[in-house]
Amino acid sequence: MQVSASLDSTVLQTVYSGVTMGLANARGNLLTWSEYAGGKWILQTWARTRGVQTLDSGPDARFAALSAERIVWLARTHEADGGTSTRIRWTPFSIDLGQAQIHEGPELPAVIGQLYTAGDWVAATQCPYENQVCQVLLIRLTDNAVFLIPPEAGHTILPLGMSSSTLLVGESRPPPGGTGMPEHEALLRYDIPSYVATKAPL
């Protein structure tokens, strides 16, 4: 993992080395990434004044998203019956995570891919259908309510970014054969308070 000294610097400094690491995410002075180590995925953070800290030791902690208020990620646990449970976890944003207070969010079905978060909200991708037809789950962390944003018939949608009141979604048709990345045909803007005011949570 490499960082630059400043936004206009071309000199990179190696701050961490691992064998298998997931996508990194950064906000301000904090960098997060997931790492596969010891047979499980753990969530790591780095800050220049704190070095590397383990935020969640797994067994499957990935896809962190950062906002001014929170660090949010997915945590999968393996149940005794052989199944898995996926939950949102979050902690207040801080670069000093040695004593982080981790909060448990709602259990979610079949969530994959990158999360987005802002204010009290999290957007997650869910693909319960064949041929990469995906929909969006909108999670309100204040009460763990989960709202569904389904795609139009024949389309798939993916969250692309959000603010505390707005969600940006890319709409596309599933790629032939269900493989490859879809090309977005439209960008959809959802006003979050207006949308959830007309929907019942799952």
C-alpha atoms as a PDB file:
ATOM      1  CA  MET A   1       0.000   0.000   0.000  1.00  0.00           C
ATOM      2  CA  GLN A   2       1.486   3.337  -1.054  1.00  0.00           C
ATOM      3  CA  VAL A   3       0.542   6.938  -0.250  1.00  0.00           C
ATOM      4  CA  SER A   4       1.837  10.317  -1.344  1.00  0.00           C
ATOM      5  CA  ALA A   5       2.984  13.035   1.017  1.00  0.00           C
ATOM      6  CA  SER A   6       0.425  15.474  -0.433  1.00  0.00           C
ATOM      7  CA  LEU A   7      -2.063  15.770  -3.296  1.00  0.00           C
ATOM      8  CA  ASP A   8       0.501  17.469  -5.550  1.00  0.00           C
ATOM      9  CA  SER A   9       3.364  15.104  -4.687  1.00  0.00           C
ATOM     10  CA  THR A  10       4.559  12.423  -7.121  1.00  0.00           C
ATOM     11  CA  VAL A  11       6.661  10.646  -4.478  1.00  0.00           C
ATOM     12  CA  LEU A  12       4.998   7.531  -3.073  1.00  0.00           C
ATOM     13  CA  GLN A  13       5.743   6.019   0.326  1.00  0.00           C
ATOM     14  CA  THR A  14       5.059   2.339   1.050  1.00  0.00           C
ATOM     15  CA  VAL A  15       3.114   2.125   4.303  1.00  0.00           C
ATOM     16  CA  TYR A  16       2.084  -1.531   4.232  1.00  0.00           C
ATOM     17  CA  SER A  17       2.792  -4.723   2.298  1.00  0.00           C
ATOM     18  CA  GLY A  18       0.508  -7.736   2.089  1.00  0.00           C
ATOM     19  CA  VAL A  19      -0.076 -10.726  -0.174  1.00  0.00           C
ATOM     20  CA  THR A  20      -3.800 -10.365  -0.925  1.00  0.00           C
ATOM     21  CA  MET A  21      -5.484  -7.024  -0.345  1.00  0.00           C
ATOM     22  CA  GLY A  22      -8.838  -5.589  -1.368  1.00  0.00           C
ATOM     23  CA  LEU A  23      -9.564  -2.146  -2.761  1.00  0.00           C
ATOM     24  CA  ALA A  24      -8.377   0.767  -0.648  1.00  0.00           C
ATOM     25  CA  ASN A  25     -10.553   3.716   0.336  1.00  0.00           C
ATOM     26  CA  ALA A  26      -9.441   7.035   1.812  1.00  0.00           C
ATOM     27  CA  ARG A  27     -10.878  10.129   3.435  1.00  0.00           C
ATOM     28  CA  GLY A  28      -8.813  12.916   4.898  1.00  0.00           C
ATOM     29  CA  ASN A  29      -5.902  11.364   6.789  1.00  0.00           C
ATOM     30  CA  LEU A  30      -7.370   7.852   6.992  1.00  0.00           C
ATOM     31  CA  LEU A  31      -6.817   4.940   4.604  1.00  0.00           C
ATOM     32  CA  THR A  32      -8.748   1.647   4.830  1.00  0.00           C
ATOM     33  CA  TRP A  33      -8.426  -1.683   3.045  1.00  0.00           C
ATOM     34  CA  SER A  34      -9.238  -5.356   3.547  1.00  0.00           C
ATOM     35  CA  GLU A  35      -6.556  -8.032   3.659  1.00  0.00           C
ATOM     36  CA  TYR A  36      -6.756 -11.804   3.382  1.00  0.00           C
ATOM     37  CA  ALA A  37      -4.534 -13.198   6.103  1.00  0.00           C
ATOM     38  CA  GLY A  38      -4.657 -16.348   8.216  1.00  0.00           C
ATOM     39  CA  GLY A  39      -7.566 -17.748   6.226  1.00  0.00           C
ATOM     40  CA  LYS A  40      -9.862 -14.754   6.747  1.00  0.00           C
ATOM     41  CA  TRP A  41     -10.514 -11.194   5.568  1.00  0.00           C
ATOM     42  CA  ILE A  42      -9.637  -8.479   8.094  1.00  0.00           C
ATOM     43  CA  LEU A  43     -10.174  -4.731   7.883  1.00  0.00           C
ATOM     44  CA  GLN A  44      -7.073  -2.575   8.239  1.00  0.00           C
ATOM     45  CA  THR A  45      -6.591   1.177   8.561  1.00  0.00           C
ATOM     46  CA  TRP A  46      -3.613   3.504   8.305  1.00  0.00           C
ATOM     47  CA  ALA A  47      -3.080   7.091   9.361  1.00  0.00           C
ATOM     48  CA  ARG A  48       0.226   8.946   9.213  1.00  0.00           C
ATOM     49  CA  THR A  49       0.167   9.678  12.936  1.00  0.00           C
ATOM     50  CA  ARG A  50      -1.165   6.249  13.992  1.00  0.00           C
ATOM     51  CA  GLY A  51       0.343   3.726  11.586  1.00  0.00           C
ATOM     52  CA  VAL A  52      -1.523   0.504  10.772  1.00  0.00           C
ATOM     53  CA  GLN A  53      -4.443  -0.535  12.991  1.00  0.00           C
ATOM     54  CA  THR A  54      -6.802  -3.532  12.676  1.00  0.00           C
ATOM     55  CA  LEU A  55     -10.398  -2.313  12.853  1.00  0.00           C
ATOM     56  CA  ASP A  56     -12.174  -5.677  12.397  1.00  0.00           C
ATOM     57  CA  SER A  57     -10.391  -9.029  12.701  1.00  0.00           C
ATOM     58  CA  GLY A  58     -12.913 -10.884  10.580  1.00  0.00           C
ATOM     59  CA  PRO A  59     -13.549 -13.633   9.670  1.00  0.00           C
ATOM     60  CA  ASP A  60     -14.856 -11.731   6.620  1.00  0.00           C
ATOM     61  CA  ALA A  61     -14.695  -7.934   6.928  1.00  0.00           C
ATOM     62  CA  ARG A  62     -14.605  -6.045   3.642  1.00  0.00           C
ATOM     63  CA  PHE A  63     -15.828  -3.159   1.467  1.00  0.00           C
ATOM     64  CA  ALA A  64     -15.304  -0.221   3.817  1.00  0.00           C
ATOM     65  CA  ALA A  65     -16.904   3.136   3.038  1.00  0.00           C
ATOM     66  CA  LEU A  66     -15.955   6.418   4.686  1.00  0.00           C
ATOM     67  CA  SER A  67     -17.881   9.586   5.423  1.00  0.00           C
ATOM     68  CA  ALA A  68     -17.355  12.558   7.704  1.00  0.00           C
ATOM     69  CA  GLU A  69     -19.462  10.781  10.327  1.00  0.00           C
ATOM     70  CA  ARG A  70     -18.650   7.073  10.043  1.00  0.00           C
ATOM     71  CA  ILE A  71     -16.581   4.164   8.795  1.00  0.00           C
ATOM     72  CA  VAL A  72     -18.982   1.502   7.492  1.00  0.00           C
ATOM     73  CA  TRP A  73     -18.208  -2.010   6.265  1.00  0.00           C
ATOM     74  CA  LEU A  74     -19.662  -5.471   5.589  1.00  0.00           C
ATOM     75  CA  ALA A  75     -19.009  -8.279   8.057  1.00  0.00           C
ATOM     76  CA  ARG A  76     -19.844 -11.851   7.136  1.00  0.00           C
ATOM     77  CA  THR A  77     -19.926 -14.567   9.775  1.00  0.00           C
ATOM     78  CA  HIS A  78     -20.154 -18.304   9.224  1.00  0.00           C
ATOM     79  CA  GLU A  79     -22.965 -20.021  11.100  1.00  0.00           C
ATOM     80  CA  ALA A  80     -22.927 -23.480  12.714  1.00  0.00           C
ATOM     81  CA  ASP A  81     -25.403 -24.784  10.135  1.00  0.00           C
ATOM     82  CA  GLY A  82     -23.001 -23.959   7.309  1.00  0.00           C
ATOM     83  CA  GLY A  83     -24.763 -20.772   6.217  1.00  0.00           C
ATOM     84  CA  THR A  84     -23.468 -17.222   6.354  1.00  0.00           C
ATOM     85  CA  SER A  85     -24.807 -14.028   7.848  1.00  0.00           C
ATOM     86  CA  THR A  86     -23.911 -10.587   6.475  1.00  0.00           C
ATOM     87  CA  ARG A  87     -24.260  -7.454   8.552  1.00  0.00           C
ATOM     88  CA  ILE A  88     -23.414  -3.810   8.310  1.00  0.00           C
ATOM     89  CA  ARG A  89     -20.954  -2.688  10.948  1.00  0.00           C
ATOM     90  CA  TRP A  90     -19.891   0.881  11.641  1.00  0.00           C
ATOM     91  CA  THR A  91     -17.864   3.056  13.959  1.00  0.00           C
ATOM     92  CA  PRO A  92     -17.615   6.843  14.291  1.00  0.00           C
ATOM     93  CA  PHE A  93     -14.988   8.310  11.970  1.00  0.00           C
ATOM     94  CA  SER A  94     -11.629   8.715  13.668  1.00  0.00           C
ATOM     95  CA  ILE A  95      -7.973   8.192  12.869  1.00  0.00           C
ATOM     96  CA  ASP A  96      -7.419   6.776  16.360  1.00  0.00           C
ATOM     97  CA  LEU A  97      -9.171   3.414  16.195  1.00  0.00           C
ATOM     98  CA  GLY A  98      -7.416   1.575  18.994  1.00  0.00           C
ATOM     99  CA  GLN A  99     -10.554   1.832  21.149  1.00  0.00           C
ATOM    100  CA  ALA A 100     -13.113   1.954  18.338  1.00  0.00           C
ATOM    101  CA  GLN A 101     -16.715   1.372  19.391  1.00  0.00           C
ATOM    102  CA  ILE A 102     -18.172  -0.967  16.759  1.00  0.00           C
ATOM    103  CA  HIS A 103     -21.929  -0.868  16.180  1.00  0.00           C
ATOM    104  CA  GLU A 104     -23.906  -3.727  14.635  1.00  0.00           C
ATOM    105  CA  GLY A 105     -26.240  -2.779  11.816  1.00  0.00           C
ATOM    106  CA  PRO A 106     -28.961  -4.837  10.151  1.00  0.00           C
ATOM    107  CA  GLU A 107     -28.507  -8.280   8.653  1.00  0.00           C
ATOM    108  CA  LEU A 108     -28.562  -8.094   4.857  1.00  0.00           C
ATOM    109  CA  PRO A 109     -29.239 -10.686   2.144  1.00  0.00           C
ATOM    110  CA  ALA A 110     -26.726 -11.403  -0.621  1.00  0.00           C
ATOM    111  CA  VAL A 111     -24.902  -8.071  -0.562  1.00  0.00           C
ATOM    112  CA  ILE A 112     -21.856  -7.703  -2.782  1.00  0.00           C
ATOM    113  CA  GLY A 113     -19.491  -4.967  -3.874  1.00  0.00           C
ATOM    114  CA  GLN A 114     -18.564  -1.529  -2.675  1.00  0.00           C
ATOM    115  CA  LEU A 115     -20.643   0.365  -0.122  1.00  0.00           C
ATOM    116  CA  TYR A 116     -21.362   4.091  -0.077  1.00  0.00           C
ATOM    117  CA  THR A 117     -22.247   6.098   3.015  1.00  0.00           C
ATOM    118  CA  ALA A 118     -23.159   9.659   3.972  1.00  0.00           C
ATOM    119  CA  GLY A 119     -25.024  11.079   6.938  1.00  0.00           C
ATOM    120  CA  ASP A 120     -27.235   8.360   8.436  1.00  0.00           C
ATOM    121  CA  TRP A 121     -27.380   6.323   5.214  1.00  0.00           C
ATOM    122  CA  VAL A 122     -25.596   3.431   3.526  1.00  0.00           C
ATOM    123  CA  ALA A 123     -26.164   2.197  -0.038  1.00  0.00           C
ATOM    124  CA  ALA A 124     -25.297  -1.409  -0.902  1.00  0.00           C
ATOM    125  CA  THR A 125     -25.536  -3.551  -4.034  1.00  0.00           C
ATOM    126  CA  GLN A 126     -27.659  -6.705  -3.935  1.00  0.00           C
ATOM    127  CA  CYS A 127     -27.737  -9.156  -6.845  1.00  0.00           C
ATOM    128  CA  PRO A 128     -30.381 -11.793  -6.066  1.00  0.00           C
ATOM    129  CA  TYR A 129     -31.168 -12.535  -9.685  1.00  0.00           C
ATOM    130  CA  GLU A 130     -29.409 -14.429 -12.449  1.00  0.00           C
ATOM    131  CA  ASN A 131     -27.498 -12.664 -15.238  1.00  0.00           C
ATOM    132  CA  GLN A 132     -26.160  -9.911 -12.978  1.00  0.00           C
ATOM    133  CA  VAL A 133     -29.501  -8.191 -12.408  1.00  0.00           C
ATOM    134  CA  CYS A 134     -28.790  -6.089  -9.322  1.00  0.00           C
ATOM    135  CA  GLN A 135     -30.788  -3.782  -7.084  1.00  0.00           C
ATOM    136  CA  VAL A 136     -29.874  -1.320  -4.336  1.00  0.00           C
ATOM    137  CA  LEU A 137     -30.441  -1.591  -0.598  1.00  0.00           C
ATOM    138  CA  LEU A 138     -30.681   1.715   1.252  1.00  0.00           C
ATOM    139  CA  ILE A 139     -29.947   1.363   4.974  1.00  0.00           C
ATOM    140  CA  ARG A 140     -30.787   3.970   7.626  1.00  0.00           C
ATOM    141  CA  LEU A 141     -28.345   3.480  10.476  1.00  0.00           C
ATOM    142  CA  THR A 142     -30.330   5.392  13.099  1.00  0.00           C
ATOM    143  CA  ASP A 143     -32.926   2.599  13.287  1.00  0.00           C
ATOM    144  CA  ASN A 144     -31.443  -0.119  10.981  1.00  0.00           C
ATOM    145  CA  ALA A 145     -34.349   0.238   8.532  1.00  0.00           C
ATOM    146  CA  VAL A 146     -33.629  -1.238   5.077  1.00  0.00           C
ATOM    147  CA  PHE A 147     -35.342   0.056   1.931  1.00  0.00           C
ATOM    148  CA  LEU A 148     -35.257  -1.582  -1.501  1.00  0.00           C
ATOM    149  CA  ILE A 149     -34.651   0.273  -4.768  1.00  0.00           C
ATOM    150  CA  PRO A 150     -35.487  -2.238  -7.527  1.00  0.00           C
ATOM    151  CA  PRO A 151     -34.439  -1.872 -11.179  1.00  0.00           C
ATOM    152  CA  GLU A 152     -36.823  -1.293 -14.043  1.00  0.00           C
ATOM    153  CA  ALA A 153     -37.712  -4.438 -15.986  1.00  0.00           C
ATOM    154  CA  GLY A 154     -34.809  -5.574 -18.143  1.00  0.00           C
ATOM    155  CA  HIS A 155     -32.274  -3.390 -16.351  1.00  0.00           C
ATOM    156  CA  THR A 156     -29.791  -3.577 -13.502  1.00  0.00           C
ATOM    157  CA  ILE A 157     -28.736  -0.754 -11.165  1.00  0.00           C
ATOM    158  CA  LEU A 158     -25.637  -0.039  -9.097  1.00  0.00           C
ATOM    159  CA  PRO A 159     -25.001   2.743  -6.569  1.00  0.00           C
ATOM    160  CA  LEU A 160     -22.301   5.184  -7.689  1.00  0.00           C
ATOM    161  CA  GLY A 161     -22.199   7.717  -4.859  1.00  0.00           C
ATOM    162  CA  MET A 162     -24.299   9.553  -2.321  1.00  0.00           C
ATOM    163  CA  SER A 163     -24.689  12.539  -0.038  1.00  0.00           C
ATOM    164  CA  SER A 164     -26.770  12.667   3.126  1.00  0.00           C
ATOM    165  CA  SER A 165     -29.890  13.408   1.050  1.00  0.00           C
ATOM    166  CA  THR A 166     -29.158  12.181  -2.489  1.00  0.00           C
ATOM    167  CA  LEU A 167     -28.268   8.820  -4.042  1.00  0.00           C
ATOM    168  CA  LEU A 168     -26.725   8.503  -7.520  1.00  0.00           C
ATOM    169  CA  VAL A 169     -27.399   5.215  -9.315  1.00  0.00           C
ATOM    170  CA  GLY A 170     -26.166   3.871 -12.653  1.00  0.00           C
ATOM    171  CA  GLU A 171     -28.744   2.029 -14.771  1.00  0.00           C
ATOM    172  CA  SER A 172     -27.771  -0.462 -17.464  1.00  0.00           C
ATOM    173  CA  ARG A 173     -28.827  -3.649 -19.195  1.00  0.00           C
ATOM    174  CA  PRO A 174     -27.188  -6.857 -17.919  1.00  0.00           C
ATOM    175  CA  PRO A 175     -24.243  -7.903 -20.122  1.00  0.00           C
ATOM    176  CA  PRO A 176     -24.829 -10.860 -22.466  1.00  0.00           C
ATOM    177  CA  GLY A 177     -24.362 -14.179 -20.694  1.00  0.00           C
ATOM    178  CA  GLY A 178     -24.205 -12.442 -17.320  1.00  0.00           C
ATOM    179  CA  THR A 179     -20.445 -11.846 -17.519  1.00  0.00           C
ATOM    180  CA  GLY A 180     -18.418  -8.656 -17.733  1.00  0.00           C
ATOM    181  CA  MET A 181     -19.123  -5.164 -16.465  1.00  0.00           C
ATOM    182  CA  PRO A 182     -22.320  -3.449 -17.623  1.00  0.00           C
ATOM    183  CA  GLU A 183     -22.117  -0.092 -19.401  1.00  0.00           C
ATOM    184  CA  HIS A 184     -24.343   2.501 -17.770  1.00  0.00           C
ATOM    185  CA  GLU A 185     -27.069   3.843 -20.047  1.00  0.00           C
ATOM    186  CA  ALA A 186     -28.468   6.384 -17.589  1.00  0.00           C
ATOM    187  CA  LEU A 187     -27.693   8.066 -14.292  1.00  0.00           C
ATOM    188  CA  LEU A 188     -30.591   8.160 -11.837  1.00  0.00           C
ATOM    189  CA  ARG A 189     -30.830  10.612  -8.951  1.00  0.00           C
ATOM    190  CA  TYR A 190     -32.900   9.678  -5.911  1.00  0.00           C
ATOM    191  CA  ASP A 191     -33.934  12.194  -3.274  1.00  0.00           C
ATOM    192  CA  ILE A 192     -33.550   9.939  -0.245  1.00  0.00           C
ATOM    193  CA  PRO A 193     -36.088  11.559   2.150  1.00  0.00           C
ATOM    194  CA  SER A 194     -38.738  11.698  -0.593  1.00  0.00           C
ATOM    195  CA  TYR A 195     -38.125   8.109  -1.683  1.00  0.00           C
ATOM    196  CA  VAL A 196     -38.288   6.493   1.765  1.00  0.00           C
ATOM    197  CA  ALA A 197     -41.339   8.567   2.714  1.00  0.00           C
ATOM    198  CA  THR A 198     -43.349   6.552   0.160  1.00  0.00           C
ATOM    199  CA  LYS A 199     -41.846   3.126   0.874  1.00  0.00           C
ATOM    200  CA  ALA A 200     -42.124   0.610   3.690  1.00  0.00           C
ATOM    201  CA  PRO A 201     -38.865  -0.868   5.010  1.00  0.00           C
ATOM    202  CA  LEU A 202     -38.138  -4.536   4.353  1.00  0.00           C
END
